[in-house]
Amino acid sequence: MYGGKSPQELLSGSFTKSWLHDKWAPLVGSVFGFIGACYVNYGTGRPALSGIQKHIAAALAVGAVATMADKWRDAHFAEKDATFRHYIQLHPEDFPTPERKKYADVLEYWQPIR
């Protein structure tokens, strides 16, 4: 059911990233930092946008942390995929290429009972 691809081809790394991939973590982190600073001001009884320098600093700090977390996550999954790829190369007999099946072969005959 994998389109006839071997396990090695499935882990070949042919994934292409979208244009938003590298912008998503800093953008979301910055928005959460800004909203967090507004929430702190609300909790202390101040106007939401007072002390705008705190908002800018929080947006930059949380955006940087989100970017570092995203890079760590990408590195972690790249290492994990490399480990899988290496294991499949060492043990190809454990990962045969699955045969392609049609839905007619998978689905059983169905007769409604009324």
PDB file of N, CA and C in Angstrom:
ATOM      1  N   MET A   1       0.809  -1.192   0.000  1.00  0.00           N
ATOM      2  CA  MET A   1       0.000   0.000   0.000  1.00  0.00           C
ATOM      3  C   MET A   1       0.855   1.261   0.000  1.00  0.00           C
ATOM      4  N   TYR A   2       2.148   1.123  -0.265  1.00  0.00           N
ATOM      5  CA  TYR A   2       3.051   2.272  -0.246  1.00  0.00           C
ATOM      6  C   TYR A   2       3.381   2.770  -1.643  1.00  0.00           C
ATOM      7  N   GLY A   3       2.628   2.394  -2.628  1.00  0.00           N
ATOM      8  CA  GLY A   3       2.902   2.838  -3.976  1.00  0.00           C
ATOM      9  C   GLY A   3       4.064   2.098  -4.611  1.00  0.00           C
ATOM     10  N   GLY A   4       4.436   0.936  -4.070  1.00  0.00           N
ATOM     11  CA  GLY A   4       5.505   0.138  -4.632  1.00  0.00           C
ATOM     12  C   GLY A   4       6.893   0.622  -4.306  1.00  0.00           C
ATOM     13  N   LYS A   5       7.037   1.546  -3.381  1.00  0.00           N
ATOM     14  CA  LYS A   5       8.358   2.044  -3.020  1.00  0.00           C
ATOM     15  C   LYS A   5       8.990   1.148  -1.971  1.00  0.00           C
ATOM     16  N   SER A   6      10.285   1.002  -2.069  1.00  0.00           N
ATOM     17  CA  SER A   6      10.999   0.232  -1.060  1.00  0.00           C
ATOM     18  C   SER A   6      11.169   1.094   0.190  1.00  0.00           C
ATOM     19  N   PRO A   7      11.435   0.468   1.342  1.00  0.00           N
ATOM     20  CA  PRO A   7      11.646   1.259   2.557  1.00  0.00           C
ATOM     21  C   PRO A   7      12.803   2.248   2.424  1.00  0.00           C
ATOM     22  N   GLN A   8      13.830   1.893   1.654  1.00  0.00           N
ATOM     23  CA  GLN A   8      14.957   2.801   1.450  1.00  0.00           C
ATOM     24  C   GLN A   8      14.517   4.043   0.682  1.00  0.00           C
ATOM     25  N   GLU A   9      13.625   3.860  -0.301  1.00  0.00           N
ATOM     26  CA  GLU A   9      13.123   5.006  -1.067  1.00  0.00           C
ATOM     27  C   GLU A   9      12.213   5.892  -0.223  1.00  0.00           C
ATOM     28  N   LEU A  10      11.490   5.275   0.728  1.00  0.00           N
ATOM     29  CA  LEU A  10      10.609   6.066   1.583  1.00  0.00           C
ATOM     30  C   LEU A  10      11.400   6.990   2.500  1.00  0.00           C
ATOM     31  N   LEU A  11      12.605   6.580   2.889  1.00  0.00           N
ATOM     32  CA  LEU A  11      13.446   7.391   3.768  1.00  0.00           C
ATOM     33  C   LEU A  11      14.545   8.126   3.009  1.00  0.00           C
ATOM     34  N   SER A  12      14.355   8.331   1.712  1.00  0.00           N
ATOM     35  CA  SER A  12      15.415   8.915   0.893  1.00  0.00           C
ATOM     36  C   SER A  12      15.636  10.398   1.148  1.00  0.00           C
ATOM     37  N   GLY A  13      14.714  11.066   1.815  1.00  0.00           N
ATOM     38  CA  GLY A  13      14.895  12.483   2.111  1.00  0.00           C
ATOM     39  C   GLY A  13      14.482  13.388   0.974  1.00  0.00           C
ATOM     40  N   SER A  14      13.505  12.982   0.187  1.00  0.00           N
ATOM     41  CA  SER A  14      13.057  13.794  -0.936  1.00  0.00           C
ATOM     42  C   SER A  14      11.972  14.786  -0.519  1.00  0.00           C
ATOM     43  N   PHE A  15      11.851  15.043   0.767  1.00  0.00           N
ATOM     44  CA  PHE A  15      10.848  15.968   1.287  1.00  0.00           C
ATOM     45  C   PHE A  15      11.268  17.401   0.992  1.00  0.00           C
ATOM     46  N   THR A  16      10.367  18.186   0.444  1.00  0.00           N
ATOM     47  CA  THR A  16      10.658  19.591   0.195  1.00  0.00           C
ATOM     48  C   THR A  16       9.887  20.435   1.198  1.00  0.00           C
ATOM     49  N   LYS A  17      10.552  21.424   1.751  1.00  0.00           N
ATOM     50  CA  LYS A  17       9.938  22.277   2.757  1.00  0.00           C
ATOM     51  C   LYS A  17       9.206  23.433   2.075  1.00  0.00           C
ATOM     52  N   SER A  18       8.127  23.869   2.699  1.00  0.00           N
ATOM     53  CA  SER A  18       7.361  24.975   2.141  1.00  0.00           C
ATOM     54  C   SER A  18       8.063  26.298   2.438  1.00  0.00           C
ATOM     55  N   TRP A  19       7.592  27.351   1.837  1.00  0.00           N
ATOM     56  CA  TRP A  19       8.201  28.677   2.025  1.00  0.00           C
ATOM     57  C   TRP A  19       7.965  29.185   3.441  1.00  0.00           C
ATOM     58  N   LEU A  20       6.970  28.659   4.137  1.00  0.00           N
ATOM     59  CA  LEU A  20       6.639  29.107   5.471  1.00  0.00           C
ATOM     60  C   LEU A  20       7.385  28.336   6.560  1.00  0.00           C
ATOM     61  N   HIS A  21       8.070  27.254   6.198  1.00  0.00           N
ATOM     62  CA  HIS A  21       8.679  26.364   7.183  1.00  0.00           C
ATOM     63  C   HIS A  21       9.680  27.071   8.093  1.00  0.00           C
ATOM     64  N   ASP A  22      10.571  27.848   7.540  1.00  0.00           N
ATOM     65  CA  ASP A  22      11.604  28.489   8.357  1.00  0.00           C
ATOM     66  C   ASP A  22      11.110  29.765   9.043  1.00  0.00           C
ATOM     67  N   LYS A  23       9.917  30.243   8.679  1.00  0.00           N
ATOM     68  CA  LYS A  23       9.370  31.464   9.280  1.00  0.00           C
ATOM     69  C   LYS A  23       8.351  31.159  10.376  1.00  0.00           C
ATOM     70  N   TRP A  24       7.855  29.931  10.440  1.00  0.00           N
ATOM     71  CA  TRP A  24       6.754  29.604  11.326  1.00  0.00           C
ATOM     72  C   TRP A  24       7.138  29.699  12.801  1.00  0.00           C
ATOM     73  N   ALA A  25       8.224  29.068  13.218  1.00  0.00           N
ATOM     74  CA  ALA A  25       8.601  29.050  14.639  1.00  0.00           C
ATOM     75  C   ALA A  25       8.909  30.451  15.177  1.00  0.00           C
ATOM     76  N   PRO A  26       9.719  31.272  14.494  1.00  0.00           N
ATOM     77  CA  PRO A  26       9.954  32.609  15.039  1.00  0.00           C
ATOM     78  C   PRO A  26       8.691  33.471  15.072  1.00  0.00           C
ATOM     79  N   LEU A  27       7.848  33.308  14.071  1.00  0.00           N
ATOM     80  CA  LEU A  27       6.612  34.102  14.029  1.00  0.00           C
ATOM     81  C   LEU A  27       5.681  33.739  15.181  1.00  0.00           C
ATOM     82  N   VAL A  28       5.436  32.463  15.371  1.00  0.00           N
ATOM     83  CA  VAL A  28       4.538  32.028  16.442  1.00  0.00           C
ATOM     84  C   VAL A  28       5.149  32.342  17.807  1.00  0.00           C
ATOM     85  N   GLY A  29       6.466  32.130  17.961  1.00  0.00           N
ATOM     86  CA  GLY A  29       7.120  32.461  19.224  1.00  0.00           C
ATOM     87  C   GLY A  29       7.031  33.944  19.543  1.00  0.00           C
ATOM     88  N   SER A  30       7.231  34.785  18.545  1.00  0.00           N
ATOM     89  CA  SER A  30       7.135  36.230  18.768  1.00  0.00           C
ATOM     90  C   SER A  30       5.728  36.652  19.146  1.00  0.00           C
ATOM     91  N   VAL A  31       4.731  36.074  18.507  1.00  0.00           N
ATOM     92  CA  VAL A  31       3.342  36.406  18.833  1.00  0.00           C
ATOM     93  C   VAL A  31       3.032  35.980  20.267  1.00  0.00           C
ATOM     94  N   PHE A  32       3.468  34.784  20.660  1.00  0.00           N
ATOM     95  CA  PHE A  32       3.224  34.337  22.037  1.00  0.00           C
ATOM     96  C   PHE A  32       3.971  35.205  23.044  1.00  0.00           C
ATOM     97  N   GLY A  33       5.180  35.642  22.717  1.00  0.00           N
ATOM     98  CA  GLY A  33       5.906  36.536  23.616  1.00  0.00           C
ATOM     99  C   GLY A  33       5.200  37.861  23.783  1.00  0.00           C
ATOM    100  N   PHE A  34       4.720  38.426  22.694  1.00  0.00           N
ATOM    101  CA  PHE A  34       4.009  39.703  22.742  1.00  0.00           C
ATOM    102  C   PHE A  34       2.716  39.573  23.546  1.00  0.00           C
ATOM    103  N   ILE A  35       1.961  38.515  23.278  1.00  0.00           N
ATOM    104  CA  ILE A  35       0.702  38.304  24.001  1.00  0.00           C
ATOM    105  C   ILE A  35       0.980  38.014  25.474  1.00  0.00           C
ATOM    106  N   GLY A  36       2.075  37.324  25.768  1.00  0.00           N
ATOM    107  CA  GLY A  36       2.438  37.067  27.158  1.00  0.00           C
ATOM    108  C   GLY A  36       2.736  38.354  27.911  1.00  0.00           C
ATOM    109  N   ALA A  37       3.431  39.279  27.260  1.00  0.00           N
ATOM    110  CA  ALA A  37       3.707  40.574  27.895  1.00  0.00           C
ATOM    111  C   ALA A  37       2.410  41.355  28.111  1.00  0.00           C
ATOM    112  N   CYS A  38       1.484  41.277  27.167  1.00  0.00           N
ATOM    113  CA  CYS A  38       0.174  41.932  27.345  1.00  0.00           C
ATOM    114  C   CYS A  38      -0.579  41.304  28.516  1.00  0.00           C
ATOM    115  N   TYR A  39      -0.490  40.010  28.665  1.00  0.00           N
ATOM    116  CA  TYR A  39      -1.167  39.315  29.755  1.00  0.00           C
ATOM    117  C   TYR A  39      -0.571  39.697  31.110  1.00  0.00           C
ATOM    118  N   VAL A  40       0.757  39.831  31.172  1.00  0.00           N
ATOM    119  CA  VAL A  40       1.392  40.260  32.416  1.00  0.00           C
ATOM    120  C   VAL A  40       0.922  41.663  32.790  1.00  0.00           C
ATOM    121  N   ASN A  41       0.841  42.553  31.821  1.00  0.00           N
ATOM    122  CA  ASN A  41       0.333  43.899  32.097  1.00  0.00           C
ATOM    123  C   ASN A  41      -1.121  43.858  32.557  1.00  0.00           C
ATOM    124  N   TYR A  42      -1.918  43.016  31.953  1.00  0.00           N
ATOM    125  CA  TYR A  42      -3.313  42.897  32.352  1.00  0.00           C
ATOM    126  C   TYR A  42      -3.419  42.365  33.781  1.00  0.00           C
ATOM    127  N   GLY A  43      -2.573  41.401  34.112  1.00  0.00           N
ATOM    128  CA  GLY A  43      -2.607  40.814  35.451  1.00  0.00           C
ATOM    129  C   GLY A  43      -2.167  41.779  36.534  1.00  0.00           C
ATOM    130  N   THR A  44      -1.309  42.734  36.208  1.00  0.00           N
ATOM    131  CA  THR A  44      -0.858  43.718  37.195  1.00  0.00           C
ATOM    132  C   THR A  44      -1.698  44.991  37.183  1.00  0.00           C
ATOM    133  N   GLY A  45      -2.738  45.024  36.377  1.00  0.00           N
ATOM    134  CA  GLY A  45      -3.651  46.158  36.372  1.00  0.00           C
ATOM    135  C   GLY A  45      -3.190  47.326  35.528  1.00  0.00           C
ATOM    136  N   ARG A  46      -2.244  47.124  34.642  1.00  0.00           N
ATOM    137  CA  ARG A  46      -1.772  48.195  33.753  1.00  0.00           C
ATOM    138  C   ARG A  46      -2.472  48.100  32.414  1.00  0.00           C
ATOM    139  N   PRO A  47      -2.393  49.155  31.606  1.00  0.00           N
ATOM    140  CA  PRO A  47      -2.894  49.049  30.230  1.00  0.00           C
ATOM    141  C   PRO A  47      -2.102  47.986  29.469  1.00  0.00           C
ATOM    142  N   ALA A  48      -2.771  47.317  28.546  1.00  0.00           N
ATOM    143  CA  ALA A  48      -2.171  46.159  27.874  1.00  0.00           C
ATOM    144  C   ALA A  48      -0.867  46.495  27.154  1.00  0.00           C
ATOM    145  N   LEU A  49      -0.760  47.678  26.566  1.00  0.00           N
ATOM    146  CA  LEU A  49       0.420  48.014  25.773  1.00  0.00           C
ATOM    147  C   LEU A  49       1.381  48.960  26.487  1.00  0.00           C
ATOM    148  N   SER A  50       1.287  49.091  27.801  1.00  0.00           N
ATOM    149  CA  SER A  50       2.227  49.974  28.497  1.00  0.00           C
ATOM    150  C   SER A  50       3.576  49.267  28.641  1.00  0.00           C
ATOM    151  N   GLY A  51       4.646  50.036  28.538  1.00  0.00           N
ATOM    152  CA  GLY A  51       5.994  49.455  28.608  1.00  0.00           C
ATOM    153  C   GLY A  51       6.279  48.626  27.372  1.00  0.00           C
ATOM    154  N   ILE A  52       6.161  49.263  26.206  1.00  0.00           N
ATOM    155  CA  ILE A  52       6.281  48.536  24.935  1.00  0.00           C
ATOM    156  C   ILE A  52       7.638  47.861  24.781  1.00  0.00           C
ATOM    157  N   GLN A  53       8.672  48.352  25.485  1.00  0.00           N
ATOM    158  CA  GLN A  53       9.985  47.727  25.387  1.00  0.00           C
ATOM    159  C   GLN A  53       9.940  46.298  25.939  1.00  0.00           C
ATOM    160  N   LYS A  54       9.084  46.044  26.943  1.00  0.00           N
ATOM    161  CA  LYS A  54       8.941  44.678  27.465  1.00  0.00           C
ATOM    162  C   LYS A  54       8.295  43.770  26.418  1.00  0.00           C
ATOM    163  N   HIS A  55       7.370  44.328  25.674  1.00  0.00           N
ATOM    164  CA  HIS A  55       6.710  43.550  24.625  1.00  0.00           C
ATOM    165  C   HIS A  55       7.701  43.164  23.538  1.00  0.00           C
ATOM    166  N   ILE A  56       8.532  44.118  23.146  1.00  0.00           N
ATOM    167  CA  ILE A  56       9.526  43.847  22.101  1.00  0.00           C
ATOM    168  C   ILE A  56      10.546  42.837  22.598  1.00  0.00           C
ATOM    169  N   ALA A  57      11.022  43.015  23.832  1.00  0.00           N
ATOM    170  CA  ALA A  57      12.007  42.086  24.385  1.00  0.00           C
ATOM    171  C   ALA A  57      11.430  40.681  24.529  1.00  0.00           C
ATOM    172  N   ALA A  58      10.187  40.568  24.975  1.00  0.00           N
ATOM    173  CA  ALA A  58       9.559  39.257  25.130  1.00  0.00           C
ATOM    174  C   ALA A  58       9.347  38.599  23.769  1.00  0.00           C
ATOM    175  N   ALA A  59       8.928  39.390  22.776  1.00  0.00           N
ATOM    176  CA  ALA A  59       8.729  38.834  21.437  1.00  0.00           C
ATOM    177  C   ALA A  59      10.044  38.317  20.864  1.00  0.00           C
ATOM    178  N   LEU A  60      11.123  39.081  21.034  1.00  0.00           N
ATOM    179  CA  LEU A  60      12.425  38.639  20.523  1.00  0.00           C
ATOM    180  C   LEU A  60      12.940  37.409  21.270  1.00  0.00           C
ATOM    181  N   ALA A  61      12.790  37.409  22.599  1.00  0.00           N
ATOM    182  CA  ALA A  61      13.310  36.298  23.397  1.00  0.00           C
ATOM    183  C   ALA A  61      12.556  35.000  23.110  1.00  0.00           C
ATOM    184  N   VAL A  62      11.234  35.066  23.131  1.00  0.00           N
ATOM    185  CA  VAL A  62      10.456  33.850  22.892  1.00  0.00           C
ATOM    186  C   VAL A  62      10.597  33.402  21.434  1.00  0.00           C
ATOM    187  N   GLY A  63      10.708  34.338  20.497  1.00  0.00           N
ATOM    188  CA  GLY A  63      10.952  33.971  19.101  1.00  0.00           C
ATOM    189  C   GLY A  63      12.283  33.275  18.924  1.00  0.00           C
ATOM    190  N   ALA A  64      13.325  33.747  19.632  1.00  0.00           N
ATOM    191  CA  ALA A  64      14.639  33.092  19.551  1.00  0.00           C
ATOM    192  C   ALA A  64      14.605  31.699  20.163  1.00  0.00           C
ATOM    193  N   VAL A  65      13.913  31.554  21.289  1.00  0.00           N
ATOM    194  CA  VAL A  65      13.797  30.237  21.916  1.00  0.00           C
ATOM    195  C   VAL A  65      13.032  29.277  21.007  1.00  0.00           C
ATOM    196  N   ALA A  66      11.981  29.762  20.372  1.00  0.00           N
ATOM    197  CA  ALA A  66      11.208  28.920  19.457  1.00  0.00           C
ATOM    198  C   ALA A  66      12.046  28.501  18.250  1.00  0.00           C
ATOM    199  N   THR A  67      12.881  29.409  17.749  1.00  0.00           N
ATOM    200  CA  THR A  67      13.760  29.070  16.625  1.00  0.00           C
ATOM    201  C   THR A  67      14.777  28.013  17.036  1.00  0.00           C
ATOM    202  N   MET A  68      15.365  28.167  18.233  1.00  0.00           N
ATOM    203  CA  MET A  68      16.329  27.172  18.701  1.00  0.00           C
ATOM    204  C   MET A  68      15.652  25.822  18.914  1.00  0.00           C
ATOM    205  N   ALA A  69      14.443  25.822  19.444  1.00  0.00           N
ATOM    206  CA  ALA A  69      13.721  24.566  19.650  1.00  0.00           C
ATOM    207  C   ALA A  69      13.395  23.903  18.314  1.00  0.00           C
ATOM    208  N   ASP A  70      13.038  24.694  17.301  1.00  0.00           N
ATOM    209  CA  ASP A  70      12.739  24.146  15.987  1.00  0.00           C
ATOM    210  C   ASP A  70      13.990  23.540  15.345  1.00  0.00           C
ATOM    211  N   LYS A  71      15.130  24.213  15.494  1.00  0.00           N
ATOM    212  CA  LYS A  71      16.381  23.667  14.947  1.00  0.00           C
ATOM    213  C   LYS A  71      16.786  22.387  15.671  1.00  0.00           C
ATOM    214  N   TRP A  72      16.583  22.351  17.002  1.00  0.00           N
ATOM    215  CA  TRP A  72      16.901  21.141  17.753  1.00  0.00           C
ATOM    216  C   TRP A  72      16.002  19.993  17.302  1.00  0.00           C
ATOM    217  N   ARG A  73      14.707  20.298  17.091  1.00  0.00           N
ATOM    218  CA  ARG A  73      13.765  19.276  16.643  1.00  0.00           C
ATOM    219  C   ARG A  73      14.144  18.742  15.272  1.00  0.00           C
ATOM    220  N   ASP A  74      14.514  19.625  14.344  1.00  0.00           N
ATOM    221  CA  ASP A  74      14.931  19.187  13.015  1.00  0.00           C
ATOM    222  C   ASP A  74      16.177  18.302  13.089  1.00  0.00           C
ATOM    223  N   ALA A  75      17.148  18.695  13.923  1.00  0.00           N
ATOM    224  CA  ALA A  75      18.359  17.889  14.068  1.00  0.00           C
ATOM    225  C   ALA A  75      18.044  16.529  14.686  1.00  0.00           C
ATOM    226  N   HIS A  76      17.150  16.500  15.650  1.00  0.00           N
ATOM    227  CA  HIS A  76      16.771  15.239  16.298  1.00  0.00           C
ATOM    228  C   HIS A  76      16.136  14.286  15.299  1.00  0.00           C
ATOM    229  N   PHE A  77      15.188  14.789  14.504  1.00  0.00           N
ATOM    230  CA  PHE A  77      14.527  13.922  13.542  1.00  0.00           C
ATOM    231  C   PHE A  77      15.446  13.543  12.378  1.00  0.00           C
ATOM    232  N   ALA A  78      16.395  14.405  12.011  1.00  0.00           N
ATOM    233  CA  ALA A  78      17.365  14.045  10.976  1.00  0.00           C
ATOM    234  C   ALA A  78      18.253  12.904  11.461  1.00  0.00           C
ATOM    235  N   GLU A  79      18.680  12.972  12.723  1.00  0.00           N
ATOM    236  CA  GLU A  79      19.498  11.887  13.281  1.00  0.00           C
ATOM    237  C   GLU A  79      18.690  10.593  13.371  1.00  0.00           C
ATOM    238  N   LYS A  80      17.439  10.709  13.749  1.00  0.00           N
ATOM    239  CA  LYS A  80      16.581   9.534  13.852  1.00  0.00           C
ATOM    240  C   LYS A  80      16.376   8.880  12.475  1.00  0.00           C
ATOM    241  N   ASP A  81      16.119   9.703  11.449  1.00  0.00           N
ATOM    242  CA  ASP A  81      15.961   9.173  10.098  1.00  0.00           C
ATOM    243  C   ASP A  81      17.249   8.542   9.588  1.00  0.00           C
ATOM    244  N   ALA A  82      18.390   9.157   9.907  1.00  0.00           N
ATOM    245  CA  ALA A  82      19.665   8.590   9.493  1.00  0.00           C
ATOM    246  C   ALA A  82      19.900   7.237  10.156  1.00  0.00           C
ATOM    247  N   THR A  83      19.499   7.107  11.407  1.00  0.00           N
ATOM    248  CA  THR A  83      19.631   5.828  12.099  1.00  0.00           C
ATOM    249  C   THR A  83      18.762   4.772  11.443  1.00  0.00           C
ATOM    250  N   PHE A  84      17.515   5.124  11.123  1.00  0.00           N
ATOM    251  CA  PHE A  84      16.629   4.179  10.432  1.00  0.00           C
ATOM    252  C   PHE A  84      17.197   3.786   9.075  1.00  0.00           C
ATOM    253  N   ARG A  85      17.673   4.778   8.319  1.00  0.00           N
ATOM    254  CA  ARG A  85      18.221   4.520   6.992  1.00  0.00           C
ATOM    255  C   ARG A  85      19.415   3.577   7.068  1.00  0.00           C
ATOM    256  N   HIS A  86      20.288   3.799   8.034  1.00  0.00           N
ATOM    257  CA  HIS A  86      21.474   2.955   8.199  1.00  0.00           C
ATOM    258  C   HIS A  86      21.072   1.528   8.579  1.00  0.00           C
ATOM    259  N   TYR A  87      20.102   1.381   9.456  1.00  0.00           N
ATOM    260  CA  TYR A  87      19.655   0.043   9.856  1.00  0.00           C
ATOM    261  C   TYR A  87      19.046  -0.693   8.666  1.00  0.00           C
ATOM    262  N   ILE A  88      18.276   0.018   7.847  1.00  0.00           N
ATOM    263  CA  ILE A  88      17.671  -0.621   6.677  1.00  0.00           C
ATOM    264  C   ILE A  88      18.745  -1.028   5.674  1.00  0.00           C
ATOM    265  N   GLN A  89      19.803  -0.232   5.538  1.00  0.00           N
ATOM    266  CA  GLN A  89      20.895  -0.599   4.647  1.00  0.00           C
ATOM    267  C   GLN A  89      21.631  -1.833   5.147  1.00  0.00           C
ATOM    268  N   LEU A  90      21.770  -1.973   6.449  1.00  0.00           N
ATOM    269  CA  LEU A  90      22.476  -3.123   7.008  1.00  0.00           C
ATOM    270  C   LEU A  90      21.627  -4.390   6.992  1.00  0.00           C
ATOM    271  N   HIS A  91      20.308  -4.258   7.059  1.00  0.00           N
ATOM    272  CA  HIS A  91      19.409  -5.408   7.138  1.00  0.00           C
ATOM    273  C   HIS A  91      18.307  -5.329   6.088  1.00  0.00           C
ATOM    274  N   PRO A  92      18.645  -5.383   4.796  1.00  0.00           N
ATOM    275  CA  PRO A  92      17.599  -5.255   3.767  1.00  0.00           C
ATOM    276  C   PRO A  92      16.653  -6.453   3.734  1.00  0.00           C
ATOM    277  N   GLU A  93      17.085  -7.611   4.230  1.00  0.00           N
ATOM    278  CA  GLU A  93      16.214  -8.792   4.209  1.00  0.00           C
ATOM    279  C   GLU A  93      15.033  -8.647   5.171  1.00  0.00           C
ATOM    280  N   ASP A  94      15.138  -7.786   6.161  1.00  0.00           N
ATOM    281  CA  ASP A  94      14.041  -7.565   7.102  1.00  0.00           C
ATOM    282  C   ASP A  94      12.991  -6.595   6.561  1.00  0.00           C
ATOM    283  N   PHE A  95      13.285  -5.916   5.448  1.00  0.00           N
ATOM    284  CA  PHE A  95      12.392  -4.900   4.901  1.00  0.00           C
ATOM    285  C   PHE A  95      12.132  -5.164   3.418  1.00  0.00           C
ATOM    286  N   PRO A  96      11.330  -6.178   3.102  1.00  0.00           N
ATOM    287  CA  PRO A  96      11.038  -6.436   1.684  1.00  0.00           C
ATOM    288  C   PRO A  96      10.128  -5.347   1.127  1.00  0.00           C
ATOM    289  N   THR A  97      10.208  -5.156  -0.171  1.00  0.00           N
ATOM    290  CA  THR A  97       9.331  -4.184  -0.823  1.00  0.00           C
ATOM    291  C   THR A  97       7.913  -4.739  -0.822  1.00  0.00           C
ATOM    292  N   PRO A  98       6.949  -4.001  -0.282  1.00  0.00           N
ATOM    293  CA  PRO A  98       5.579  -4.532  -0.235  1.00  0.00           C
ATOM    294  C   PRO A  98       4.971  -4.597  -1.630  1.00  0.00           C
ATOM    295  N   GLU A  99       4.114  -5.585  -1.816  1.00  0.00           N
ATOM    296  CA  GLU A  99       3.469  -5.718  -3.120  1.00  0.00           C
ATOM    297  C   GLU A  99       2.298  -4.751  -3.208  1.00  0.00           C
ATOM    298  N   ARG A 100       2.073  -4.269  -4.400  1.00  0.00           N
ATOM    299  CA  ARG A 100       0.968  -3.339  -4.602  1.00  0.00           C
ATOM    300  C   ARG A 100      -0.327  -4.121  -4.693  1.00  0.00           C
ATOM    301  N   LYS A 101      -1.364  -3.596  -4.042  1.00  0.00           N
ATOM    302  CA  LYS A 101      -2.665  -4.245  -4.052  1.00  0.00           C
ATOM    303  C   LYS A 101      -3.704  -3.258  -4.553  1.00  0.00           C
ATOM    304  N   LYS A 102      -4.697  -3.803  -5.213  1.00  0.00           N
ATOM    305  CA  LYS A 102      -5.827  -2.983  -5.639  1.00  0.00           C
ATOM    306  C   LYS A 102      -6.913  -3.072  -4.575  1.00  0.00           C
ATOM    307  N   TYR A 103      -7.789  -2.093  -4.552  1.00  0.00           N
ATOM    308  CA  TYR A 103      -8.873  -2.120  -3.592  1.00  0.00           C
ATOM    309  C   TYR A 103      -9.770  -3.345  -3.798  1.00  0.00           C
ATOM    310  N   ALA A 104      -9.888  -3.793  -5.025  1.00  0.00           N
ATOM    311  CA  ALA A 104     -10.707  -4.975  -5.293  1.00  0.00           C
ATOM    312  C   ALA A 104     -10.145  -6.204  -4.597  1.00  0.00           C
ATOM    313  N   ASP A 105      -8.821  -6.251  -4.396  1.00  0.00           N
ATOM    314  CA  ASP A 105      -8.204  -7.380  -3.711  1.00  0.00           C
ATOM    315  C   ASP A 105      -8.306  -7.255  -2.196  1.00  0.00           C
ATOM    316  N   VAL A 106      -8.393  -6.034  -1.692  1.00  0.00           N
ATOM    317  CA  VAL A 106      -8.400  -5.807  -0.250  1.00  0.00           C
ATOM    318  C   VAL A 106      -9.816  -5.881   0.317  1.00  0.00           C
ATOM    319  N   LEU A 107     -10.769  -5.262  -0.374  1.00  0.00           N
ATOM    320  CA  LEU A 107     -12.142  -5.210   0.125  1.00  0.00           C
ATOM    321  C   LEU A 107     -12.846  -6.538  -0.113  1.00  0.00           C
ATOM    322  N   GLU A 108     -13.647  -6.953   0.859  1.00  0.00           N
ATOM    323  CA  GLU A 108     -14.405  -8.176   0.738  1.00  0.00           C
ATOM    324  C   GLU A 108     -15.769  -7.869   0.132  1.00  0.00           C
ATOM    325  N   TYR A 109     -16.383  -8.910  -0.411  1.00  0.00           N
ATOM    326  CA  TYR A 109     -17.701  -8.742  -0.988  1.00  0.00           C
ATOM    327  C   TYR A 109     -18.681  -8.380   0.114  1.00  0.00           C
ATOM    328  N   TRP A 110     -19.555  -7.391  -0.159  1.00  0.00           N
ATOM    329  CA  TRP A 110     -20.510  -6.943   0.836  1.00  0.00           C
ATOM    330  C   TRP A 110     -21.911  -7.034   0.250  1.00  0.00           C
ATOM    331  N   GLN A 111     -22.782  -7.705   0.981  1.00  0.00           N
ATOM    332  CA  GLN A 111     -24.173  -7.795   0.561  1.00  0.00           C
ATOM    333  C   GLN A 111     -25.026  -7.278   1.706  1.00  0.00           C
ATOM    334  N   PRO A 112     -25.808  -6.250   1.460  1.00  0.00           N
ATOM    335  CA  PRO A 112     -26.624  -5.686   2.552  1.00  0.00           C
ATOM    336  C   PRO A 112     -27.723  -6.668   2.979  1.00  0.00           C
ATOM    337  N   ILE A 113     -27.930  -6.730   4.269  1.00  0.00           N
ATOM    338  CA  ILE A 113     -28.998  -7.562   4.815  1.00  0.00           C
ATOM    339  C   ILE A 113     -30.130  -6.641   5.236  1.00  0.00           C
ATOM    340  N   ARG A 114     -31.292  -6.830   4.660  1.00  0.00           N
ATOM    341  CA  ARG A 114     -32.417  -5.932   4.968  1.00  0.00           C
ATOM    342  C   ARG A 114     -33.532  -6.676   5.607  1.00  0.00           C
TER     343      ARG A 114
END
